[in-house]
Amino acid sequence: MATVVGQALLAASLEALVGKIVSGEFVDLFRSTKLDAALLEKMNITLLSLQAVLHDAEEKQIINPAVKQWLDMLRDAVFEAL
């Protein structure tokens, strides 16, 4: 049960972090600093790829303790970033 709650919390936290990164304010800041719009698109693709990896890892952590440990470390890092 705790694993399921942890997974949901990690997923929600990552969605919140991604939401902040792709928010209108961030995009406006990104554009106002004359940064490359292609870089913003690459960041978006990277974040979507990360989401896919996380969904896969959530399933694999049940049978692979190393994956569970990685997800736990990632969850801690995300909480610090928020």
Protein backbone atom coordinates (compact mmCIF):
# COMPACT_ATOMS: atom_id res chain seq x y z
CA MET A 1 0.00 0.00 0.00
CA ALA A 2 2.80 2.41 0.90
CA THR A 3 4.47 1.70 -2.44
CA VAL A 4 1.31 2.61 -4.34
CA VAL A 5 0.93 5.82 -2.35
CA GLY A 6 4.60 6.64 -2.95
CA GLN A 7 4.19 6.05 -6.66
CA ALA A 8 1.15 8.29 -6.85
CA LEU A 9 2.94 10.98 -4.87
CA LEU A 10 6.00 10.80 -7.11
CA ALA A 11 3.88 10.95 -10.25
CA ALA A 12 1.91 13.92 -8.93
CA SER A 13 5.08 15.70 -7.84
CA LEU A 14 6.71 15.20 -11.21
CA GLU A 15 3.60 16.46 -12.96
CA ALA A 16 3.68 19.56 -10.76
CA LEU A 17 7.36 20.09 -11.56
CA VAL A 18 6.76 19.62 -15.29
CA GLY A 19 3.79 21.99 -15.05
CA LYS A 20 5.99 24.66 -13.54
CA ILE A 21 8.64 24.18 -16.20
CA VAL A 22 6.23 24.41 -19.13
CA SER A 23 4.06 27.12 -17.58
CA GLY A 24 3.37 30.30 -19.47
CA GLU A 25 5.57 32.28 -17.11
CA PHE A 26 8.52 29.99 -17.74
CA VAL A 27 7.97 30.08 -21.49
CA ASP A 28 7.75 33.89 -21.40
CA LEU A 29 10.95 34.09 -19.37
CA PHE A 30 12.61 31.64 -21.73
CA ARG A 31 11.62 33.71 -24.75
CA SER A 32 12.46 37.06 -23.15
CA THR A 33 16.01 35.96 -22.49
CA LYS A 34 16.46 35.27 -26.21
CA LEU A 35 17.04 31.58 -25.67
CA ASP A 36 16.51 29.20 -28.55
CA ALA A 37 12.89 28.03 -28.94
CA ALA A 38 14.24 24.72 -30.29
CA LEU A 39 15.91 24.17 -26.92
CA LEU A 40 12.57 24.61 -25.19
CA GLU A 41 11.06 21.99 -27.49
CA LYS A 42 13.94 19.60 -26.73
CA MET A 43 13.33 20.12 -23.01
CA ASN A 44 9.66 19.30 -23.51
CA ILE A 45 10.51 16.09 -25.36
CA THR A 46 12.98 15.15 -22.63
CA LEU A 47 10.36 15.67 -19.94
CA LEU A 48 7.84 13.54 -21.84
CA SER A 49 10.47 10.81 -22.22
CA LEU A 50 11.20 11.00 -18.51
CA GLN A 51 7.53 10.52 -17.77
CA ALA A 52 7.46 7.37 -19.92
CA VAL A 53 10.55 5.98 -18.17
CA LEU A 54 9.00 6.65 -14.78
CA HIS A 55 5.78 4.83 -15.66
CA ASP A 56 7.84 1.85 -16.80
CA ALA A 57 9.99 1.96 -13.67
CA GLU A 58 6.91 2.05 -11.43
CA GLU A 59 5.87 -1.30 -12.87
CA LYS A 60 9.36 -2.82 -12.72
CA GLN A 61 10.09 -1.78 -9.13
CA ILE A 62 7.88 -4.63 -7.88
CA ILE A 63 10.34 -7.25 -9.10
CA ASN A 64 13.57 -5.25 -9.14
CA PRO A 65 14.82 -3.75 -5.84
CA ALA A 66 17.37 -1.57 -7.66
CA VAL A 67 14.59 0.13 -9.60
CA LYS A 68 12.69 0.75 -6.36
CA GLN A 69 15.79 2.28 -4.78
CA TRP A 70 16.26 4.53 -7.84
CA LEU A 71 12.64 5.67 -7.66
CA ASP A 72 13.01 6.43 -3.95
CA MET A 73 16.11 8.55 -4.64
CA LEU A 74 14.34 10.29 -7.51
CA ARG A 75 11.32 11.04 -5.33
CA ASP A 76 13.60 12.69 -2.76
CA ALA A 77 15.25 14.79 -5.47
CA VAL A 78 11.89 15.89 -6.87
CA PHE A 79 10.64 16.93 -3.44
CA GLU A 80 13.76 19.05 -2.96
CA ALA A 81 13.24 20.65 -6.37
CA LEU A 82 9.68 21.62 -5.54
